[in-house]
Amino acid sequence: MSKPIVAIVGRPNTGKSSLFNAIAGEPISIVKDIPGVTRDRIYADCTWLNRDFTLIDTGGIEPESRDKLLVSMREQAEIAIETADVIIFLTDVRTGVTDADDRVADMLRRAKKPVVLAVNKVDSFTKFQNDIYEFYNLACGDPIPVSAASRLGIGDLLEAVEAYFPQVEESEAEEDERPKVALIGKPNVGKSSIINRLLGENRVIVSDIAGTTRDAIDTVVVHDGQEYVFIDTAGIRRKSKIHEDIERYSIIRTVTAVERADVVLLVIDASEGVTEQDAKIAGVAHEKGKGILVVVNKWDLVEKTDKTMKEFTDKIKNTLSFMSYAEFLFVSAETGQRMNKLFEMIDMIRSSQTLRIRTGVLNEIITEATVLKQPPSDKGHRLKIFYASQVAVKPPTFVFFVNSKELMHFSYQRYLENRIREAFGFRGTMLRFFIRERQGKDKE
C-alpha cells in the first residue's frame, strides 16, 4: 500500500512552513514572515503512531490575486489538493476568518477530499478559546487549535489526520508483485512517448487505468510474458490552466509516482542536456532509495562523434554526483533506438535492489578490503570493523559494527562501498550504511 499523502494548504502567512517543520521534526521549509516565501512545494516522509505518510508544504493560496508568483503558488496548491489523501487547512487565530479563508474553504469543499481544519498561533487555549469558535463558520469541521511555533496541539491534529488514512488489515489482499516503473523528469522530455513506443513494439495493452487516487496513469505492458506496470507522471494533468512550463510542478508528480515504484526512469532530453531541475527531480528517487536508470531520450537529434556519449554521460554524472550508482541508457522513443534494452536494464536494476549477501561472504570481502587499505586512525586509535551484516533490501542496507563511529570517515565508507559493488554488482541502486558502536568491553 502506498503511503498516504497529506497536504498543508491555506492563504499566505498562516504558518504553513512552521507547521510543516514541527511535524517533520526538522527545519526543512524556509520560515519567514513574508507572504510568498515558500515558493516551491516541499515534502517530507513522516511517521505518526507507526503510520508512515508523506507531508507536503505548499505556497499560500491567494484565490483572487493576479500577481504572477501568487497565481503560480495557487496552481501548485491546487495540484497538491488533487494529489493529497488528506488536507490540513491552516488558518490564523490572530487574524480571524478572512475572505481569503472563505474562498480557500470553498475550494476545498469542491475538491471533495478529507479536510482537517487547524487554527494556528494558539499559544494559550484559555486566551483564544472564544476566537477559535469563529472558525466553525468555514464549514470545514471542528477547528483544532495548534501552535506550530510552540509545538502545541500537534498530536491532536495528527490524530485527526490519521483517522482518514486507509485502514491496514492483516487480511489485505496480497501485494502486487509486478515490477512497477515510474517515469519522471521535466515536462516534454518524452515520458509518454517512451510508453507509447513500448506499447507499439509489444502490441499488448493489458489495461489503461487511473493509478489509485493519484491521477497518474498506470499502463501495463507485457514483455516476454512478464507484466510491467509503467507509471507515467504526465498523466497528472487535468486542468488546462496548469502550464507545463512551471517546472516546480514536476516535484509533486515525482513524489507520488516514485512512492509506488520499484525502478525509476529519469528521462532527460538529449537536445537540452541535464539541468538543475533534473537534479531536483532525481533527488526524490535517490532519497527514497529506488533503483535508478537515467534514460537520455531524443538521442537521434544529437550530432555525434565517437566521444559524444561519454562526454554526455560525464556531464550527467557531474550534475547528479550524489547518485553515481545510476545506470544510463541512450534512446530515441521516436525511432525506437535502443528501446529494446529498456526491459533488460529494468530487470537488472530490480535484481540489484533485491540482492541479499550472506553475512559470512560479506565479511570476507570487508576483511580483504581492510587488508588492502588500512582503516583510518586518530591519536593512536585505529578503526576496527568487527563485522557487517545486510539487514534489508530495496535498497540494500548494511550495518557495520565498529569500535568507534567517529573513526569511520566518509572516504573510508565510500571505499568499502566500492569494494562491495566490485564484488557483488549492485548496479543501479544506492547502498545504505548504518554504523554502530559496540558497547563496554566489547568495544576493543
Protein backbone atom coordinates (compact mmCIF):
# COMPACT_ATOMS: atom_id res chain seq x y z
CA MET A 1 0.00 0.00 0.00
CA SER A 2 1.28 3.49 -0.90
CA LYS A 3 1.89 5.94 1.91
CA PRO A 4 -0.95 8.43 2.40
CA ILE A 5 -0.19 11.96 1.23
CA VAL A 6 -1.07 14.90 3.49
CA ALA A 7 -1.01 18.45 2.11
CA ILE A 8 -0.90 21.63 4.22
CA VAL A 9 -2.80 24.41 2.45
CA GLY A 10 -4.12 27.85 3.33
CA ARG A 11 -3.72 31.50 2.48
CA PRO A 12 -0.24 33.07 2.80
CA ASN A 13 1.38 33.72 6.16
CA THR A 14 -0.71 31.41 8.35
CA GLY A 15 2.37 29.42 9.40
CA LYS A 16 2.25 26.50 6.99
CA SER A 17 6.02 26.12 6.81
CA SER A 18 6.32 26.31 10.60
CA LEU A 19 3.69 23.58 10.97
CA PHE A 20 5.43 21.51 8.30
CA ASN A 21 8.71 21.75 10.21
CA ALA A 22 7.02 20.93 13.52
CA ILE A 23 5.52 17.73 12.09
CA ALA A 24 8.59 16.76 10.06
CA GLY A 25 10.80 17.35 13.08
CA GLU A 26 13.44 19.37 11.27
CA PRO A 27 13.68 22.82 9.67
CA ILE A 28 13.14 21.87 6.03
CA SER A 29 10.93 24.76 4.87
CA ILE A 30 12.03 28.37 4.87
CA VAL A 31 10.20 30.22 7.65
CA LYS A 32 9.93 33.95 7.11
CA ASP A 33 7.19 36.43 7.96
CA ILE A 34 6.61 37.47 4.36
CA PRO A 35 3.81 36.03 2.18
CA GLY A 36 5.16 34.01 -0.72
CA VAL A 37 8.44 32.79 0.78
CA THR A 38 7.60 29.10 0.30
CA ARG A 39 7.57 29.16 -3.48
CA ASP A 40 8.24 25.50 -4.09
CA ARG A 41 6.26 22.69 -2.61
CA ILE A 42 8.40 20.85 -0.10
CA TYR A 43 7.81 17.28 1.05
CA ALA A 44 8.96 15.05 3.90
CA ASP A 45 8.42 11.44 4.91
CA CYS A 46 6.83 11.37 8.38
CA THR A 47 5.55 8.79 10.90
CA TRP A 48 2.74 9.08 13.43
CA LEU A 49 1.61 6.16 15.63
CA ASN A 50 3.51 3.72 13.38
CA ARG A 51 1.75 5.04 10.27
CA ASP A 52 4.02 6.43 7.56
CA PHE A 53 2.85 9.29 5.37
CA THR A 54 4.24 11.93 3.03
CA LEU A 55 3.72 15.54 4.10
CA ILE A 56 3.56 18.32 1.51
CA ASP A 57 4.07 22.00 2.22
CA THR A 58 2.59 24.48 -0.27
CA GLY A 59 2.80 28.12 -1.08
CA GLY A 60 -0.11 30.21 0.21
CA ILE A 61 -3.33 30.38 -1.78
CA GLU A 62 -4.45 33.86 -2.83
CA PRO A 63 -7.74 33.00 -4.60
CA GLU A 64 -8.25 36.35 -6.37
CA SER A 65 -4.66 37.50 -6.91
CA ARG A 66 -3.31 38.28 -10.36
CA ASP A 67 0.27 38.54 -9.15
CA LYS A 68 2.28 36.01 -11.18
CA LEU A 69 4.01 34.49 -8.15
CA LEU A 70 0.80 34.15 -6.13
CA VAL A 71 -1.09 32.74 -9.11
CA SER A 72 1.72 30.21 -9.56
CA MET A 73 1.54 29.23 -5.89
CA ARG A 74 -2.25 28.86 -6.11
CA GLU A 75 -1.87 26.49 -9.03
CA GLN A 76 0.74 24.50 -7.09
CA ALA A 77 -1.65 24.24 -4.17
CA GLU A 78 -4.42 23.03 -6.48
CA ILE A 79 -2.19 20.20 -7.65
CA ALA A 80 -1.37 19.36 -4.03
CA ILE A 81 -5.09 19.28 -3.23
CA GLU A 82 -5.78 16.96 -6.15
CA THR A 83 -2.91 14.70 -5.14
CA ALA A 84 -3.46 14.53 -1.39
CA ASP A 85 -5.41 11.90 0.54
CA VAL A 86 -5.95 14.29 3.47
CA ILE A 87 -5.69 18.09 3.57
CA ILE A 88 -4.73 20.20 6.57
CA PHE A 89 -6.41 23.59 6.11
CA LEU A 90 -4.35 26.01 8.19
CA THR A 91 -5.79 29.30 9.41
CA ASP A 92 -4.58 32.04 11.79
CA VAL A 93 -6.39 32.74 15.08
CA ARG A 94 -4.84 36.20 15.34
CA THR A 95 -6.35 37.46 12.08
CA GLY A 96 -9.60 35.54 12.41
CA VAL A 97 -11.60 34.28 9.44
CA THR A 98 -10.82 36.33 6.33
CA ASP A 99 -12.42 36.49 2.88
CA ALA A 100 -9.41 34.56 1.56
CA ASP A 101 -10.05 31.80 4.12
CA ASP A 102 -13.67 31.58 2.93
CA ARG A 103 -12.54 31.20 -0.67
CA VAL A 104 -9.95 28.55 0.23
CA ALA A 105 -12.62 26.68 2.21
CA ASP A 106 -14.91 26.78 -0.82
CA MET A 107 -12.10 25.40 -3.00
CA LEU A 108 -11.51 22.56 -0.54
CA ARG A 109 -15.19 21.65 -0.30
CA ARG A 110 -15.37 21.38 -4.08
CA ALA A 111 -12.31 19.11 -4.06
CA LYS A 112 -14.32 16.58 -2.00
CA LYS A 113 -11.24 15.44 -0.09
CA PRO A 114 -11.00 14.85 3.67
CA VAL A 115 -10.13 18.18 5.34
CA VAL A 116 -8.80 18.77 8.86
CA LEU A 117 -9.18 22.40 9.91
CA ALA A 118 -6.31 23.70 12.05
CA VAL A 119 -6.22 27.10 13.75
CA ASN A 120 -2.60 28.18 14.21
CA LYS A 121 -0.85 30.54 16.64
CA VAL A 122 -2.98 29.43 19.61
CA ASP A 123 -0.27 29.76 22.25
CA SER A 124 -2.88 29.80 25.03
CA PHE A 125 -6.12 27.85 24.69
CA THR A 126 -7.70 29.82 27.53
CA LYS A 127 -6.84 33.15 25.93
CA PHE A 128 -8.03 32.26 22.41
CA GLN A 129 -10.87 29.84 23.22
CA ASN A 130 -13.68 32.15 22.09
CA ASP A 131 -11.75 33.18 18.97
CA ILE A 132 -11.45 29.54 17.88
CA TYR A 133 -15.24 29.14 17.67
CA GLU A 134 -15.33 31.69 14.84
CA PHE A 135 -13.69 29.15 12.51
CA TYR A 136 -16.77 26.92 12.57
CA ASN A 137 -18.11 29.42 10.02
CA LEU A 138 -15.78 27.89 7.42
CA ALA A 139 -17.88 24.70 7.48
CA CYS A 140 -14.78 22.50 7.36
CA GLY A 141 -15.40 20.52 10.55
CA ASP A 142 -14.18 21.07 14.09
CA PRO A 143 -11.29 23.56 14.29
CA ILE A 144 -8.24 22.12 16.05
CA PRO A 145 -6.14 24.70 17.92
CA VAL A 146 -2.38 24.41 17.39
CA SER A 147 0.75 26.45 17.81
CA ALA A 148 3.34 25.43 15.25
CA ALA A 149 5.94 27.71 16.83
CA SER A 150 5.44 26.23 20.31
CA ARG A 151 4.59 22.74 19.01
CA LEU A 152 1.30 22.68 20.90
CA GLY A 153 -1.66 20.62 19.74
CA ILE A 154 0.34 18.77 17.07
CA GLY A 155 -0.65 15.37 18.50
CA ASP A 156 -4.38 16.18 18.39
CA LEU A 157 -4.00 17.44 14.83
CA LEU A 158 -2.19 14.31 13.62
CA GLU A 159 -4.71 12.09 15.39
CA ALA A 160 -7.48 13.76 13.38
CA VAL A 161 -5.45 13.40 10.16
CA GLU A 162 -4.60 9.74 10.82
CA ALA A 163 -8.31 8.93 11.21
CA TYR A 164 -8.69 9.48 7.46
CA PHE A 165 -5.84 7.15 6.48
CA PRO A 166 -6.85 3.88 4.77
CA GLN A 167 -7.10 1.06 7.26
CA VAL A 168 -4.35 -1.56 7.07
CA GLU A 169 -5.78 -5.03 7.55
CA GLU A 170 -3.79 -8.20 8.06
CA SER A 171 -6.16 -9.98 5.71
CA GLU A 172 -5.43 -7.44 2.99
CA ALA A 173 -5.01 -8.92 -0.48
CA GLU A 174 -1.52 -9.94 -1.49
CA GLU A 175 0.61 -7.10 -2.70
CA ASP A 176 1.01 -6.66 -6.42
CA GLU A 177 4.35 -8.27 -7.29
CA ARG A 178 4.55 -6.92 -10.83
CA PRO A 179 7.58 -4.66 -11.50
CA LYS A 180 6.49 -1.04 -11.14
CA VAL A 181 8.43 1.52 -13.15
CA ALA A 182 7.95 5.27 -12.74
CA LEU A 183 8.93 7.68 -15.50
CA ILE A 184 9.96 11.01 -14.03
CA GLY A 185 11.50 14.14 -15.46
CA LYS A 186 10.66 17.61 -16.61
CA PRO A 187 7.65 18.20 -18.86
CA ASN A 188 8.05 17.46 -22.56
CA VAL A 189 11.12 15.23 -22.32
CA GLY A 190 9.25 12.31 -23.88
CA LYS A 191 7.95 10.24 -20.97
CA SER A 192 4.63 9.46 -22.65
CA SER A 193 6.37 8.88 -25.99
CA ILE A 194 8.53 6.19 -24.39
CA ILE A 195 5.46 4.37 -23.08
CA ASN A 196 3.68 4.71 -26.43
CA ARG A 197 6.73 3.22 -28.17
CA LEU A 198 6.80 0.31 -25.71
CA LEU A 199 3.12 -0.33 -26.29
CA GLY A 200 3.59 -0.19 -30.05
CA GLU A 201 6.51 -2.62 -30.02
CA ASN A 202 4.88 -5.11 -27.66
CA ARG A 203 1.41 -4.80 -29.20
CA VAL A 204 -0.21 -5.77 -25.88
CA ILE A 205 -2.19 -3.40 -23.71
CA VAL A 206 -3.45 -5.23 -20.64
CA SER A 207 -5.12 -2.17 -19.12
CA ASP A 208 -5.02 1.60 -19.10
CA ILE A 209 -6.39 2.69 -15.75
CA ALA A 210 -6.15 5.58 -13.33
CA GLY A 211 -3.48 4.79 -10.75
CA THR A 212 -5.00 4.66 -7.23
CA THR A 213 -6.09 8.16 -6.18
CA ARG A 214 -3.06 9.89 -7.62
CA ASP A 215 -4.26 10.72 -11.14
CA ALA A 216 -1.07 9.27 -12.60
CA ILE A 217 -1.66 6.86 -15.44
CA ASP A 218 -0.76 3.20 -14.95
CA THR A 219 -0.06 1.38 -18.19
CA VAL A 220 0.59 -2.36 -18.12
CA VAL A 221 2.95 -3.69 -20.79
CA VAL A 222 3.78 -7.36 -21.35
CA HIS A 223 7.33 -8.23 -22.40
CA ASP A 224 8.47 -11.85 -22.75
CA GLY A 225 5.50 -13.00 -20.69
CA GLN A 226 6.21 -10.59 -17.79
CA GLU A 227 3.80 -7.77 -16.93
CA TYR A 228 5.36 -4.38 -16.13
CA VAL A 229 3.36 -1.50 -14.65
CA PHE A 230 4.58 1.83 -16.02
CA ILE A 231 3.58 4.92 -14.03
CA ASP A 232 3.62 7.98 -16.26
CA THR A 233 3.65 11.24 -14.31
CA ALA A 234 2.50 13.07 -17.42
CA GLY A 235 -0.93 11.63 -16.61
CA ILE A 236 -1.32 14.08 -13.71
CA ARG A 237 -2.59 16.91 -15.85
CA ARG A 238 -6.29 17.68 -15.77
CA LYS A 239 -6.57 21.47 -15.69
CA SER A 240 -5.67 23.27 -18.91
CA LYS A 241 -4.63 26.32 -16.89
CA ILE A 242 -1.78 24.35 -15.29
CA HIS A 243 1.07 25.33 -17.58
CA GLU A 244 3.76 22.75 -18.19
CA ASP A 245 6.50 25.39 -18.24
CA ILE A 246 6.23 25.93 -14.46
CA GLU A 247 8.94 23.47 -13.55
CA ARG A 248 8.20 23.16 -9.84
CA TYR A 249 5.05 21.16 -10.58
CA SER A 250 7.29 18.28 -11.53
CA ILE A 251 8.34 17.69 -7.93
CA ILE A 252 4.93 16.70 -6.58
CA ARG A 253 4.31 14.46 -9.57
CA THR A 254 7.64 12.86 -8.89
CA VAL A 255 6.94 12.24 -5.19
CA THR A 256 3.66 10.45 -5.83
CA ALA A 257 4.95 8.32 -8.70
CA VAL A 258 8.26 7.38 -7.07
CA GLU A 259 6.48 6.31 -3.88
CA ARG A 260 4.82 3.43 -5.73
CA ALA A 261 7.73 2.40 -7.96
CA ASP A 262 10.47 -0.25 -7.74
CA VAL A 263 12.60 1.26 -10.51
CA VAL A 264 12.62 4.89 -11.59
CA LEU A 265 13.45 6.05 -15.10
CA LEU A 266 14.77 9.61 -15.02
CA VAL A 267 14.07 10.84 -18.55
CA ILE A 268 16.36 13.60 -19.86
CA ASP A 269 16.04 15.45 -23.17
CA ALA A 270 19.29 14.89 -25.06
CA SER A 271 18.81 18.04 -27.12
CA GLU A 272 18.55 20.12 -23.92
CA GLY A 273 21.07 18.37 -21.71
CA VAL A 274 20.94 17.77 -17.97
CA THR A 275 19.70 20.66 -15.83
CA GLU A 276 19.43 21.65 -12.18
CA GLN A 277 15.74 20.76 -12.29
CA ASP A 278 16.69 17.24 -13.42
CA ALA A 279 18.87 17.02 -10.29
CA LYS A 280 15.98 18.12 -8.05
CA ILE A 281 13.68 15.51 -9.57
CA ALA A 282 16.34 12.79 -9.37
CA GLY A 283 16.93 13.68 -5.73
CA VAL A 284 13.43 12.48 -4.83
CA ALA A 285 14.10 8.99 -6.19
CA HIS A 286 17.54 8.91 -4.57
CA GLU A 287 16.23 9.87 -1.13
CA LYS A 288 13.58 7.17 -1.32
CA GLY A 289 16.19 4.53 -2.20
CA LYS A 290 14.73 3.48 -5.55
CA GLY A 291 16.57 1.79 -8.39
CA ILE A 292 17.50 4.44 -10.95
CA LEU A 293 18.03 4.32 -14.70
CA VAL A 294 18.85 7.60 -16.45
CA VAL A 295 17.17 7.47 -19.87
CA VAL A 296 18.55 10.04 -22.29
CA ASN A 297 15.76 10.44 -24.84
CA LYS A 298 15.82 12.11 -28.29
CA TRP A 299 19.37 10.83 -28.83
CA ASP A 300 18.66 10.79 -32.57
CA LEU A 301 18.59 14.62 -32.56
CA VAL A 302 22.17 14.95 -31.30
CA GLU A 303 25.11 15.33 -33.69
CA LYS A 304 27.64 12.74 -32.60
CA THR A 305 31.28 11.82 -32.68
CA ASP A 306 32.87 8.75 -31.12
CA LYS A 307 33.19 10.73 -27.85
CA THR A 308 29.69 12.25 -27.65
CA MET A 309 28.10 9.58 -25.49
CA LYS A 310 30.97 9.55 -22.98
CA GLU A 311 31.04 13.34 -22.76
CA PHE A 312 27.28 13.46 -22.23
CA THR A 313 27.49 10.76 -19.56
CA ASP A 314 30.26 12.64 -17.74
CA LYS A 315 28.15 15.82 -17.70
CA ILE A 316 25.19 13.95 -16.23
CA LYS A 317 27.35 12.25 -13.60
CA ASN A 318 28.79 15.62 -12.62
CA THR A 319 25.33 17.16 -12.15
CA LEU A 320 23.93 14.03 -10.49
CA SER A 321 27.07 13.33 -8.46
CA PHE A 322 25.01 12.26 -5.43
CA MET A 323 23.82 9.17 -7.34
CA SER A 324 26.94 7.88 -9.04
CA TYR A 325 25.46 4.35 -8.98
CA ALA A 326 22.77 5.19 -11.58
CA GLU A 327 22.75 3.29 -14.87
CA PHE A 328 22.48 5.03 -18.26
CA LEU A 329 20.65 4.28 -21.48
CA PHE A 330 20.60 6.50 -24.59
CA VAL A 331 17.40 6.04 -26.58
CA SER A 332 15.03 7.58 -29.07
CA ALA A 333 11.33 6.99 -28.49
CA GLU A 334 10.74 8.45 -31.94
CA THR A 335 12.91 5.95 -33.85
CA GLY A 336 12.94 3.11 -31.32
CA GLN A 337 16.73 3.29 -30.93
CA ARG A 338 17.88 1.03 -28.03
CA MET A 339 14.33 0.80 -26.68
CA ASN A 340 14.65 -2.99 -26.74
CA LYS A 341 17.29 -2.73 -23.97
CA LEU A 342 14.94 -0.98 -21.56
CA PHE A 343 13.41 -4.13 -20.05
CA GLU A 344 16.83 -5.75 -19.72
CA MET A 345 18.08 -2.76 -17.73
CA ILE A 346 14.95 -2.64 -15.56
CA ASP A 347 15.28 -6.35 -14.70
CA MET A 348 18.97 -5.93 -13.88
CA ILE A 349 18.29 -3.00 -11.54
CA ARG A 350 15.42 -4.84 -9.83
CA SER A 351 17.76 -7.77 -9.20
CA SER A 352 20.30 -5.40 -7.64
CA GLN A 353 17.63 -3.86 -5.41
CA THR A 354 16.62 -7.25 -4.00
CA LEU A 355 20.06 -8.91 -3.87
CA ARG A 356 20.96 -10.37 -0.45
CA ILE A 357 24.53 -11.19 0.60
CA ARG A 358 25.21 -13.82 3.25
CA THR A 359 26.93 -12.43 6.33
CA GLY A 360 29.91 -14.75 6.03
CA VAL A 361 30.57 -13.84 2.39
CA LEU A 362 30.13 -10.12 3.10
CA ASN A 363 32.65 -10.19 5.94
CA GLU A 364 35.21 -11.97 3.78
CA ILE A 365 35.04 -9.01 1.38
CA ILE A 366 35.28 -6.50 4.25
CA THR A 367 38.29 -8.29 5.76
CA GLU A 368 40.04 -8.35 2.40
CA ALA A 369 39.29 -4.66 1.90
CA THR A 370 40.80 -3.71 5.29
CA VAL A 371 43.94 -5.67 4.47
CA LEU A 372 44.36 -3.89 1.14
CA LYS A 373 43.71 -0.47 2.66
CA GLN A 374 44.27 0.02 6.37
CA PRO A 375 41.36 1.62 8.28
CA PRO A 376 41.85 5.24 9.43
CA SER A 377 43.21 6.10 12.87
CA ASP A 378 43.28 9.12 15.15
CA LYS A 379 45.55 9.79 18.16
CA GLY A 380 46.72 6.22 18.32
CA HIS A 381 43.26 4.67 17.97
CA ARG A 382 42.51 2.77 14.77
CA LEU A 383 39.10 1.90 13.38
CA LYS A 384 38.16 -1.74 13.94
CA ILE A 385 35.34 -3.31 11.97
CA PHE A 386 34.13 -6.27 14.00
CA TYR A 387 31.63 -7.46 11.42
CA ALA A 388 28.98 -6.31 8.95
CA SER A 389 25.58 -7.66 8.04
CA GLN A 390 22.96 -6.91 5.40
CA VAL A 391 19.67 -6.12 7.14
CA ALA A 392 17.33 -5.05 4.33
CA VAL A 393 16.71 -4.77 0.58
CA LYS A 394 15.07 -2.11 -1.59
CA PRO A 395 17.59 -0.56 -1.18
CA PRO A 396 20.27 -2.98 0.09
CA THR A 397 21.08 -1.85 3.63
CA PHE A 398 24.13 -2.81 5.71
CA VAL A 399 25.04 -2.40 9.37
CA PHE A 400 28.71 -2.17 10.38
CA PHE A 401 29.69 -2.85 14.00
CA VAL A 402 32.82 -0.91 14.89
CA ASN A 403 34.82 0.28 17.90
CA SER A 404 34.30 3.98 17.11
CA LYS A 405 31.80 5.67 14.78
CA GLU A 406 33.96 8.79 14.62
CA LEU A 407 36.82 6.82 13.06
CA MET A 408 34.63 5.62 10.17
CA HIS A 409 35.45 8.52 7.88
CA PHE A 410 33.21 9.17 4.89
CA SER A 411 36.05 8.44 2.47
CA TYR A 412 36.69 5.01 4.01
CA GLN A 413 32.99 4.18 3.98
CA ARG A 414 32.94 5.07 0.28
CA TYR A 415 35.96 2.81 -0.24
CA LEU A 416 34.14 -0.09 1.42
CA GLU A 417 31.04 0.61 -0.67
CA ASN A 418 33.11 0.48 -3.85
CA ARG A 419 34.63 -2.86 -2.79
CA ILE A 420 31.18 -4.29 -2.13
CA ARG A 421 29.97 -3.09 -5.52
CA GLU A 422 33.02 -4.60 -7.23
CA ALA A 423 32.31 -7.94 -5.57
CA PHE A 424 28.52 -8.13 -5.94
CA GLY A 425 27.44 -5.61 -8.57
CA PHE A 426 24.51 -3.70 -7.10
CA ARG A 427 24.15 -1.75 -10.35
CA GLY A 428 21.56 0.99 -10.46
CA THR A 429 20.79 1.02 -6.74
CA MET A 430 22.06 3.02 -3.80
CA LEU A 431 23.53 1.19 -0.80
CA ARG A 432 22.62 2.36 2.69
CA PHE A 433 25.08 2.03 5.58
CA PHE A 434 24.48 2.28 9.30
CA ILE A 435 27.45 2.42 11.65
CA ARG A 436 27.00 1.01 15.17
CA GLU A 437 29.44 1.02 18.07
CA ARG A 438 29.95 -1.97 20.33
CA GLN A 439 29.39 -1.12 23.96
CA GLY A 440 31.57 -1.60 27.06
CA LYS A 441 34.20 -4.35 26.97
CA ASP A 442 33.09 -5.35 23.50
CA LYS A 443 34.49 -2.12 22.04
CA GLU A 444 38.07 -3.38 21.95
